[in-house]
């Protein structure tokens, strides 16, 4: 997430009450709606996978694209979106993002086929990337006092956590009562409300015209991530030796090399490679990538397990995920206290190991296994995630100078979203290409545990002693 560091204007046409306490509170409400709707669409779609598959077809690979299209655009565009807000004004860009997200949600709801739905999800992800960094930049502007800003950001983050938790429950209820298209229609009133609040109460930031947009780097990043995800997804459907799959892997490697080459030479790169010269920054970025590969890929296949193997409805599938998502927030609040006692890097290690043990505890899962027999393991997986994210974020931000904290947070967000893309692609391919779904699920659990333990080893063994 990117925080603008330029000076700001106090007022702008369309924000007549920008200096009042009410205006700042309603600005916070608008920003929370923007971040909340982004997080809502991360989890709400998982409960609709089976219903969308039955209506639109496309198999597991099609469902992987429905999830991954959103995350690919989110991960690839988020760094540029922050720079765009700096250049032309965070309010303008934020409102454009909300309008695009709302329109894309309507397009998803009306999608006549899988291709149209995937295209709509791609545009949704691009809009999500616009909303997140610019909402934080506008909060930074609305709350100049450090203490008040800290409280506002906490509310902003808590609202997103609530949306993430509510996603499966809300999705299950809407699908049961109305149908899967309703999970996208619910975004319309949220979007319209957020736009109205932003227009009337948020004040614009000063435009930094000297801030350049790294378009070649942006195109290379989108191409590399899309090609890699496509190769993994289609590898499960077409076979790993299929010419198209091999070509996609080659394209991903070439585009990734071009991206690194471009970023090493750009005057204002979207991803300053010098950041990775900070040891802790490089380690925590890698851990963020690995953790999201393990956790979010597993959530995807568990959603399919509940619905396609155990025959749960969308409603009951949504309820099954509520405790798992709900435990993240209270554990987030406990994590800083543990980090103060044993250190942030050790806390990350503990969190990753707890999640890995939860994955290993699920290895005996079979078709028809009782939900209560796997409840504790699911809670362990999400508790470990909740435990490691706060110290991971604070350690990464503390590893670079304060002036670069905005771009550092943006890199963490981008790497974690990239991990989500790769996790869904990899684990979805495993359950699609193995002899049976359960064989693929068991292999996914082994891979997830191994990746989490690797994350623990990376930070536990690689971090300097004072880290």
Protein backbone atom coordinates (compact mmCIF):
# COMPACT_ATOMS: atom_id res chain seq x y z
CA UNK A 1 0.00 0.00 0.00
CA UNK A 2 1.39 3.32 -1.01
CA UNK A 3 1.34 6.43 1.16
CA UNK A 4 1.88 9.71 -0.61
CA UNK A 5 4.50 11.97 0.94
CA UNK A 6 3.71 15.17 -0.94
CA UNK A 7 2.12 18.25 0.62
CA UNK A 8 -1.63 18.62 0.41
CA UNK A 9 -4.22 21.27 -0.27
CA UNK A 10 -6.78 21.82 2.47
CA UNK A 11 -9.88 22.19 0.33
CA UNK A 12 -11.19 21.42 -3.10
CA UNK A 13 -14.44 21.98 -4.94
CA UNK A 14 -16.71 19.09 -4.11
CA UNK A 15 -15.38 18.84 -0.54
CA UNK A 16 -16.82 21.94 1.16
CA UNK A 17 -16.66 20.52 4.68
CA UNK A 18 -13.21 18.99 4.45
CA UNK A 19 -11.90 20.70 7.57
CA UNK A 20 -14.62 19.59 9.96
CA UNK A 21 -14.47 16.63 12.34
CA UNK A 22 -17.58 15.22 10.66
CA UNK A 23 -15.86 15.43 7.28
CA UNK A 24 -12.82 13.53 8.49
CA UNK A 25 -15.03 10.85 10.07
CA UNK A 26 -17.02 10.46 6.85
CA UNK A 27 -13.80 10.39 4.85
CA UNK A 28 -12.72 7.49 7.07
CA UNK A 29 -16.08 5.83 6.35
CA UNK A 30 -15.56 6.20 2.60
CA UNK A 31 -12.01 4.85 2.74
CA UNK A 32 -13.16 1.93 4.90
CA UNK A 33 -15.88 1.11 2.37
CA UNK A 34 -13.27 1.12 -0.38
CA UNK A 35 -10.89 -1.24 1.41
CA UNK A 36 -13.75 -3.32 2.79
CA UNK A 37 -15.34 -4.03 -0.59
CA UNK A 38 -11.94 -5.10 -1.93
CA UNK A 39 -11.50 -7.61 0.91
CA UNK A 40 -15.12 -8.76 0.68
CA UNK A 41 -14.59 -9.87 -2.90
CA UNK A 42 -11.51 -11.87 -1.89
CA UNK A 43 -13.57 -14.35 0.15
CA UNK A 44 -17.18 -13.98 -1.00
CA UNK A 45 -16.43 -15.56 -4.38
CA UNK A 46 -15.14 -18.79 -2.83
CA UNK A 47 -18.62 -19.72 -1.61
CA UNK A 48 -20.00 -19.28 -5.15
CA UNK A 49 -17.47 -21.46 -6.96
CA UNK A 50 -19.67 -24.53 -7.30
CA UNK A 51 -22.76 -22.50 -8.29
CA UNK A 52 -20.80 -20.54 -10.91
CA UNK A 53 -19.25 -23.73 -12.25
CA UNK A 54 -22.64 -25.39 -12.67
CA UNK A 55 -24.10 -22.32 -14.42
CA UNK A 56 -21.21 -21.26 -16.64
CA UNK A 57 -19.09 -24.41 -16.98
CA UNK A 58 -15.34 -24.28 -17.46
CA UNK A 59 -14.28 -26.90 -14.89
CA UNK A 60 -11.73 -26.31 -12.13
CA UNK A 61 -9.47 -24.34 -14.50
CA UNK A 62 -12.29 -21.90 -15.24
CA UNK A 63 -12.94 -21.38 -11.54
CA UNK A 64 -9.22 -20.82 -10.96
CA UNK A 65 -9.32 -18.03 -13.54
CA UNK A 66 -12.37 -16.46 -11.88
CA UNK A 67 -10.39 -16.19 -8.63
CA UNK A 68 -6.97 -15.49 -10.13
CA UNK A 69 -7.97 -12.82 -12.67
CA UNK A 70 -8.94 -10.57 -9.76
CA UNK A 71 -5.74 -11.22 -7.84
CA UNK A 72 -3.42 -10.96 -10.85
CA UNK A 73 -4.65 -7.45 -11.66
CA UNK A 74 -4.60 -6.52 -7.96
CA UNK A 75 -1.01 -7.69 -7.47
CA UNK A 76 0.38 -6.33 -10.74
CA UNK A 77 -1.16 -2.85 -10.66
CA UNK A 78 -1.05 -1.84 -6.99
CA UNK A 79 2.37 -0.16 -7.09
CA UNK A 80 1.51 1.91 -10.16
CA UNK A 81 -1.86 2.87 -8.69
CA UNK A 82 -0.16 4.58 -5.76
CA UNK A 83 2.14 6.51 -8.10
CA UNK A 84 -0.87 7.50 -10.21
CA UNK A 85 -2.54 8.95 -7.11
CA UNK A 86 0.58 10.98 -6.38
CA UNK A 87 0.64 12.31 -9.93
CA UNK A 88 -2.98 13.34 -10.51
CA UNK A 89 -4.45 13.38 -6.98
CA UNK A 90 -5.46 10.55 -4.68
CA UNK A 91 -9.12 11.61 -4.49
CA UNK A 92 -9.54 11.63 -8.26
CA UNK A 93 -7.91 8.24 -8.60
CA UNK A 94 -9.76 6.74 -5.63
CA UNK A 95 -13.15 7.83 -6.98
CA UNK A 96 -12.24 6.50 -10.43
CA UNK A 97 -11.33 3.19 -8.81
CA UNK A 98 -14.64 3.02 -6.95
CA UNK A 99 -16.58 3.80 -10.14
CA UNK A 100 -14.66 1.13 -12.09
CA UNK A 101 -15.10 -1.45 -9.31
CA UNK A 102 -18.86 -0.81 -9.14
CA UNK A 103 -19.29 -1.00 -12.91
CA UNK A 104 -17.19 -4.17 -13.14
CA UNK A 105 -19.29 -5.74 -10.35
CA UNK A 106 -22.43 -5.12 -12.40
CA UNK A 107 -20.73 -6.66 -15.43
CA UNK A 108 -19.82 -9.75 -13.36
CA UNK A 109 -23.42 -10.08 -12.16
CA UNK A 110 -24.69 -9.97 -15.74
CA UNK A 111 -21.96 -12.17 -17.23
CA UNK A 112 -23.50 -14.56 -19.81
CA UNK A 113 -20.51 -16.95 -19.82
CA UNK A 114 -17.28 -17.79 -18.03
CA UNK A 115 -15.11 -15.63 -20.31
CA UNK A 116 -17.20 -12.53 -19.59
CA UNK A 117 -17.08 -13.23 -15.85
CA UNK A 118 -13.29 -13.63 -15.91
CA UNK A 119 -12.95 -10.35 -17.83
CA UNK A 120 -15.16 -8.60 -15.27
CA UNK A 121 -13.08 -10.01 -12.43
CA UNK A 122 -9.90 -8.76 -14.11
CA UNK A 123 -11.31 -5.21 -14.19
CA UNK A 124 -12.47 -5.58 -10.58
CA UNK A 125 -8.91 -6.48 -9.56
CA UNK A 126 -7.49 -3.46 -11.35
CA UNK A 127 -9.98 -1.23 -9.52
CA UNK A 128 -9.11 -2.91 -6.20
CA UNK A 129 -5.46 -2.06 -6.77
CA UNK A 130 -6.49 1.58 -7.25
CA UNK A 131 -8.65 1.69 -4.13
CA UNK A 132 -6.25 0.30 -1.53
CA UNK A 133 -3.17 2.58 -1.74
CA UNK A 134 -5.16 5.72 -2.49
CA UNK A 135 -7.56 5.15 0.40
CA UNK A 136 -4.56 5.06 2.72
CA UNK A 137 -3.09 8.20 1.12
CA UNK A 138 -6.37 10.06 1.70
CA UNK A 139 -6.44 8.90 5.33
CA UNK A 140 -2.88 10.14 5.73
CA UNK A 141 -4.09 13.52 4.47
CA UNK A 142 -7.30 13.66 6.52
CA UNK A 143 -5.55 12.83 9.82
CA UNK A 144 -2.31 14.85 10.12
CA UNK A 145 -1.92 14.01 13.82
CA UNK A 146 0.06 10.79 14.29
CA UNK A 147 -2.11 9.41 17.09
CA UNK A 148 -5.41 10.14 15.37
CA UNK A 149 -4.10 8.76 12.11
CA UNK A 150 -3.03 5.57 13.86
CA UNK A 151 -6.53 5.09 15.25
CA UNK A 152 -8.09 5.84 11.88
CA UNK A 153 -5.87 3.30 10.12
CA UNK A 154 -6.76 0.73 12.79
CA UNK A 155 -10.47 1.28 12.09
CA UNK A 156 -9.78 1.11 8.33
CA UNK A 157 -7.97 -2.21 8.75
CA UNK A 158 -10.54 -3.62 11.19
CA UNK A 159 -13.33 -2.86 8.73
CA UNK A 160 -11.48 -4.79 6.06
CA UNK A 161 -10.96 -7.72 8.45
CA UNK A 162 -14.68 -7.71 9.21
CA UNK A 163 -15.48 -7.74 5.49
CA UNK A 164 -13.03 -10.60 4.94
CA UNK A 165 -14.71 -12.54 7.75
CA UNK A 166 -18.24 -11.74 6.63
CA UNK A 167 -17.55 -12.65 3.00
CA UNK A 168 -18.26 -16.40 3.21
CA UNK A 169 -21.36 -15.90 5.40
CA UNK A 170 -22.81 -13.09 3.26
CA UNK A 171 -21.97 -14.97 0.08
CA UNK A 172 -23.62 -18.18 1.29
CA UNK A 173 -26.77 -16.33 2.32
CA UNK A 174 -27.05 -14.41 -0.96
CA UNK A 175 -26.45 -17.48 -3.11
CA UNK A 176 -29.05 -19.49 -1.18
CA UNK A 177 -31.69 -16.75 -1.26
CA UNK A 178 -31.06 -15.12 -4.64
CA UNK A 179 -28.30 -16.85 -6.61
CA UNK A 180 -24.57 -16.40 -7.19
CA UNK A 181 -25.00 -13.21 -9.24
CA UNK A 182 -26.18 -11.44 -6.09
CA UNK A 183 -22.65 -11.57 -4.58
CA UNK A 184 -21.62 -8.98 -7.17
CA UNK A 185 -24.81 -6.90 -7.01
CA UNK A 186 -24.21 -6.26 -3.29
CA UNK A 187 -21.22 -4.14 -4.32
CA UNK A 188 -23.42 -1.60 -6.10
CA UNK A 189 -24.89 0.22 -3.06
CA UNK A 190 -21.49 0.07 -1.35
CA UNK A 191 -19.84 1.63 -4.38
CA UNK A 192 -22.44 4.35 -4.80
CA UNK A 193 -22.27 5.19 -1.09
CA UNK A 194 -18.49 5.32 -1.16
CA UNK A 195 -18.49 7.59 -4.21
CA UNK A 196 -20.98 10.00 -2.64
CA UNK A 197 -19.05 10.22 0.63
CA UNK A 198 -15.72 10.66 -1.16
CA UNK A 199 -17.03 13.44 -3.40
CA UNK A 200 -18.61 15.42 -0.58
CA UNK A 201 -16.17 14.95 2.28
CA UNK A 202 -12.70 13.85 1.13
CA UNK A 203 -10.27 16.64 0.25
CA UNK A 204 -7.91 16.30 -2.67
CA UNK A 205 -4.15 15.92 -2.44
CA UNK A 206 -1.73 18.10 -4.33
CA UNK A 207 -0.65 16.64 -7.65
CA UNK A 208 3.04 15.79 -7.98
CA UNK A 209 3.48 16.10 -11.73
CA UNK A 210 7.12 15.05 -11.46
CA UNK A 211 6.00 11.57 -10.35
CA UNK A 212 6.48 9.32 -13.36
CA UNK A 213 4.47 6.24 -14.27
CA UNK A 214 6.64 3.24 -15.18
CA UNK A 215 4.45 1.93 -18.00
CA UNK A 216 6.99 -0.53 -19.52
CA UNK A 217 7.63 -2.03 -16.09
CA UNK A 218 3.90 -2.24 -15.44
CA UNK A 219 3.20 -4.08 -18.70
CA UNK A 220 6.06 -6.50 -18.08
CA UNK A 221 4.80 -7.22 -14.54
CA UNK A 222 1.25 -7.96 -15.72
CA UNK A 223 2.53 -10.15 -18.56
CA UNK A 224 4.92 -12.13 -16.38
CA UNK A 225 2.43 -12.79 -13.60
CA UNK A 226 -0.41 -13.59 -16.00
CA UNK A 227 1.74 -15.97 -18.06
CA UNK A 228 3.02 -17.78 -14.96
CA UNK A 229 -0.46 -18.16 -13.48
CA UNK A 230 -1.80 -19.28 -16.84
CA UNK A 231 0.93 -21.88 -17.25
CA UNK A 232 0.22 -23.39 -13.82
CA UNK A 233 -3.57 -23.31 -14.22
CA UNK A 234 -3.62 -24.76 -17.72
CA UNK A 235 -0.89 -27.26 -16.83
CA UNK A 236 -3.42 -28.99 -14.62
CA UNK A 237 -6.03 -29.05 -17.37
CA UNK A 238 -3.91 -29.65 -20.52
CA UNK A 239 -0.88 -31.44 -19.09
CA UNK A 240 2.52 -30.04 -18.16
CA UNK A 241 4.10 -31.08 -21.47
CA UNK A 242 1.50 -29.31 -23.62
CA UNK A 243 3.14 -26.81 -26.04
CA UNK A 244 0.94 -23.94 -24.86
CA UNK A 245 1.88 -24.57 -21.22
CA UNK A 246 5.60 -24.72 -22.04
CA UNK A 247 5.29 -21.53 -24.11
CA UNK A 248 3.57 -19.77 -21.21
CA UNK A 249 6.37 -20.74 -18.79
CA UNK A 250 8.97 -19.45 -21.27
CA UNK A 251 7.02 -16.21 -21.74
CA UNK A 252 6.79 -15.73 -17.97
CA UNK A 253 10.56 -16.17 -17.59
CA UNK A 254 11.35 -13.77 -20.44
CA UNK A 255 8.92 -11.11 -19.20
CA UNK A 256 10.20 -11.44 -15.62
CA UNK A 257 13.75 -10.88 -16.87
CA UNK A 258 12.60 -7.86 -18.87
CA UNK A 259 10.85 -6.51 -15.77
CA UNK A 260 14.00 -6.78 -13.65
CA UNK A 261 16.08 -5.21 -16.44
CA UNK A 262 13.63 -2.32 -16.78
CA UNK A 263 13.39 -1.69 -13.04
CA UNK A 264 17.19 -1.61 -12.71
CA UNK A 265 17.39 1.20 -15.27
CA UNK A 266 14.21 3.26 -14.80
CA UNK A 267 14.59 6.73 -13.28
CA UNK A 268 11.46 6.18 -11.15
CA UNK A 269 10.82 2.42 -11.12
CA UNK A 270 7.53 0.99 -9.89
CA UNK A 271 9.61 -1.47 -7.83
CA UNK A 272 12.94 -0.02 -6.64
CA UNK A 273 15.25 -3.06 -6.62
CA UNK A 274 17.52 -1.31 -4.13
CA UNK A 275 14.95 -2.10 -1.43
CA UNK A 276 15.96 -5.74 -1.62
CA UNK A 277 19.43 -4.74 -0.52
CA UNK A 278 17.92 -4.52 2.97
CA UNK A 279 18.19 -8.06 4.31
CA UNK A 280 15.06 -8.01 6.46
CA UNK A 281 13.04 -6.39 3.68
CA UNK A 282 13.99 -9.15 1.24
CA UNK A 283 13.28 -11.89 3.80
CA UNK A 284 9.89 -10.56 4.89
CA UNK A 285 8.82 -10.00 1.28
CA UNK A 286 9.66 -13.64 0.52
CA UNK A 287 7.79 -14.82 3.62
CA UNK A 288 4.73 -12.82 2.56
CA UNK A 289 4.82 -14.54 -0.83
CA UNK A 290 5.22 -18.04 0.64
CA UNK A 291 2.53 -17.65 3.29
CA UNK A 292 -0.09 -16.53 0.80
CA UNK A 293 0.78 -19.37 -1.57
CA UNK A 294 0.08 -21.81 1.25
CA UNK A 295 -3.01 -20.26 2.84
CA UNK A 296 -5.05 -18.87 -0.04
CA UNK A 297 -4.42 -21.80 -2.34
CA UNK A 298 -5.69 -24.05 0.43
CA UNK A 299 -8.83 -21.96 0.97
CA UNK A 300 -9.64 -22.39 -2.74
CA UNK A 301 -9.44 -26.20 -2.67
CA UNK A 302 -11.25 -26.45 0.69
CA UNK A 303 -14.13 -24.47 -0.83
CA UNK A 304 -14.39 -27.04 -3.60
CA UNK A 305 -14.04 -29.87 -1.07
CA UNK A 306 -16.95 -28.68 1.03
CA UNK A 307 -19.26 -28.22 -1.95
CA UNK A 308 -18.25 -30.81 -4.55
CA UNK A 309 -17.05 -33.65 -2.31
CA UNK A 310 -19.12 -33.24 0.86
CA UNK A 311 -22.14 -31.77 -0.92
CA UNK A 312 -22.54 -28.72 1.35
CA UNK A 313 -24.70 -25.88 0.07
CA UNK A 314 -23.25 -22.41 -0.47
CA UNK A 315 -24.88 -21.36 2.83
CA UNK A 316 -23.22 -24.09 4.87
CA UNK A 317 -19.92 -23.64 3.07
CA UNK A 318 -19.99 -19.97 4.00
CA UNK A 319 -20.70 -20.84 7.63
CA UNK A 320 -17.85 -23.38 7.59
CA UNK A 321 -15.35 -20.61 6.81
CA UNK A 322 -16.68 -18.01 9.28
CA UNK A 323 -14.76 -19.33 12.35
CA UNK A 324 -11.60 -19.71 10.29
CA UNK A 325 -11.78 -16.11 9.04
CA UNK A 326 -13.17 -14.72 12.29
CA UNK A 327 -10.25 -15.85 14.45
CA UNK A 328 -7.75 -13.79 12.41
CA UNK A 329 -8.73 -10.40 13.88
CA UNK A 330 -8.43 -11.25 17.61
CA UNK A 331 -5.15 -13.07 16.99
CA UNK A 332 -3.94 -10.00 15.05
CA UNK A 333 -4.48 -8.00 18.24
CA UNK A 334 -2.54 -10.51 20.35
CA UNK A 335 0.40 -10.75 17.96
CA UNK A 336 2.09 -7.44 18.93
CA UNK A 337 2.17 -8.48 22.60
CA UNK A 338 3.85 -11.77 21.76
CA UNK A 339 6.29 -9.94 19.47
CA UNK A 340 7.25 -7.67 22.38
CA UNK A 341 8.08 -10.73 24.48
CA UNK A 342 9.92 -12.98 22.04
CA UNK A 343 10.70 -10.68 19.12
CA UNK A 344 8.87 -10.16 15.81
CA UNK A 345 10.89 -12.66 13.78
CA UNK A 346 10.32 -15.43 16.30
CA UNK A 347 6.61 -14.56 16.32
CA UNK A 348 6.54 -14.98 12.53
CA UNK A 349 8.24 -18.37 12.94
CA UNK A 350 5.69 -19.47 15.55
CA UNK A 351 2.78 -18.34 13.36
CA UNK A 352 4.07 -20.15 10.27
CA UNK A 353 4.70 -23.34 12.28
CA UNK A 354 1.20 -23.26 13.83
CA UNK A 355 -0.35 -22.98 10.36
CA UNK A 356 1.90 -25.79 9.06
CA UNK A 357 0.81 -28.07 11.91
CA UNK A 358 -2.82 -27.30 11.06
CA UNK A 359 -2.17 -28.38 7.47
CA UNK A 360 -0.48 -31.61 8.57
CA UNK A 361 -3.38 -32.28 10.95
CA UNK A 362 -5.72 -32.34 7.95
CA UNK A 363 -3.81 -35.01 6.04
CA UNK A 364 -6.21 -37.75 7.05
CA UNK A 365 -9.23 -35.86 5.70
CA UNK A 366 -11.45 -37.95 3.40
CA UNK A 367 -14.71 -37.55 1.53
CA UNK A 368 -17.48 -37.24 4.09
CA UNK A 369 -15.21 -36.30 7.01
CA UNK A 370 -17.19 -34.44 9.68
CA UNK A 371 -16.67 -30.68 9.82
CA UNK A 372 -16.07 -30.85 13.57
CA UNK A 373 -13.26 -33.36 13.00
CA UNK A 374 -11.33 -30.73 11.02
CA UNK A 375 -12.49 -27.63 12.91
CA UNK A 376 -9.45 -27.33 15.19
CA UNK A 377 -7.03 -27.75 12.28
CA UNK A 378 -8.73 -24.99 10.29
CA UNK A 379 -8.59 -22.68 13.31
CA UNK A 380 -4.87 -23.47 13.70
CA UNK A 381 -4.21 -22.57 10.06
CA UNK A 382 -5.93 -19.19 10.34
CA UNK A 383 -4.54 -18.48 13.83
CA UNK A 384 -1.01 -18.89 12.54
CA UNK A 385 -1.80 -16.46 9.73
CA UNK A 386 -3.25 -13.93 12.17
CA UNK A 387 -0.20 -14.28 14.40
CA UNK A 388 2.44 -13.66 11.74
CA UNK A 389 0.94 -10.86 9.60
CA UNK A 390 1.30 -7.92 12.07
CA UNK A 391 4.98 -8.59 12.93
CA UNK A 392 5.67 -9.38 9.28
CA UNK A 393 4.29 -5.98 8.25
CA UNK A 394 5.99 -4.03 11.04
CA UNK A 395 9.34 -5.77 10.45
CA UNK A 396 9.24 -5.02 6.74
CA UNK A 397 8.36 -1.36 7.31
CA UNK A 398 11.02 -1.04 9.98
CA UNK A 399 13.68 -2.46 7.68
CA UNK A 400 13.75 0.61 5.41
CA UNK A 401 13.96 4.34 6.01
CA UNK A 402 10.65 5.99 6.91
CA UNK A 403 10.52 8.02 3.70
CA UNK A 404 10.20 4.76 1.75
CA UNK A 405 7.62 3.10 3.98
CA UNK A 406 4.84 3.69 1.46
CA UNK A 407 6.54 1.87 -1.39
CA UNK A 408 7.71 -0.82 1.06
CA UNK A 409 4.13 -1.50 2.16
CA UNK A 410 3.10 -1.56 -1.49
CA UNK A 411 5.74 -4.19 -2.25
CA UNK A 412 4.52 -6.37 0.64
CA UNK A 413 0.94 -6.11 -0.60
CA UNK A 414 2.04 -6.94 -4.16
CA UNK A 415 4.13 -9.94 -3.12
CA UNK A 416 1.36 -11.33 -0.92
CA UNK A 417 -1.21 -10.97 -3.70
CA UNK A 418 1.23 -12.63 -6.09
CA UNK A 419 1.42 -15.50 -3.60
CA UNK A 420 -2.36 -15.77 -3.64
CA UNK A 421 -2.34 -15.99 -7.45
CA UNK A 422 0.29 -18.73 -7.45
CA UNK A 423 -1.38 -20.64 -4.60
CA UNK A 424 -4.77 -20.82 -6.32
CA UNK A 425 -3.11 -21.73 -9.63
CA UNK A 426 -0.90 -24.45 -8.12
CA UNK A 427 -3.36 -26.09 -5.73
CA UNK A 428 -6.22 -25.88 -8.21
CA UNK A 429 -4.04 -27.65 -10.76
CA UNK A 430 -3.21 -30.38 -8.25
CA UNK A 431 -6.86 -31.23 -7.58
CA UNK A 432 -7.65 -31.02 -11.31
CA UNK A 433 -4.75 -33.12 -12.62
CA UNK A 434 -4.37 -35.86 -10.01
CA UNK A 435 -6.23 -39.17 -10.23
CA UNK A 436 -8.86 -37.98 -7.76
CA UNK A 437 -9.77 -34.76 -6.02
CA UNK A 438 -8.82 -36.15 -2.62
CA UNK A 439 -5.37 -37.19 -3.83
CA UNK A 440 -4.84 -33.64 -5.05
CA UNK A 441 -6.14 -32.21 -1.78
CA UNK A 442 -3.75 -34.35 0.28
CA UNK A 443 -0.85 -33.29 -1.92
CA UNK A 444 -1.93 -29.66 -1.54
CA UNK A 445 -1.81 -30.01 2.24
CA UNK A 446 1.71 -31.45 2.10
CA UNK A 447 2.87 -28.64 -0.20
CA UNK A 448 1.18 -26.02 1.98
CA UNK A 449 2.87 -27.33 5.14
CA UNK A 450 6.24 -27.50 3.39
CA UNK A 451 5.93 -23.93 2.09
CA UNK A 452 4.99 -22.64 5.55
CA UNK A 453 7.91 -24.42 7.18
CA UNK A 454 10.16 -22.97 4.48
CA UNK A 455 8.82 -19.50 5.37
CA UNK A 456 9.63 -20.16 9.03
CA UNK A 457 13.16 -21.27 8.13
CA UNK A 458 13.72 -18.25 5.87
CA UNK A 459 12.96 -15.72 8.59
CA UNK A 460 14.19 -17.80 11.54
CA UNK A 461 17.59 -18.61 10.09
CA UNK A 462 18.07 -15.67 7.76
CA UNK A 463 17.15 -12.72 9.97
CA UNK A 464 20.00 -10.91 11.74
CA UNK A 465 20.11 -11.40 15.48
CA UNK A 466 18.78 -7.93 16.24
CA UNK A 467 15.86 -8.53 13.84
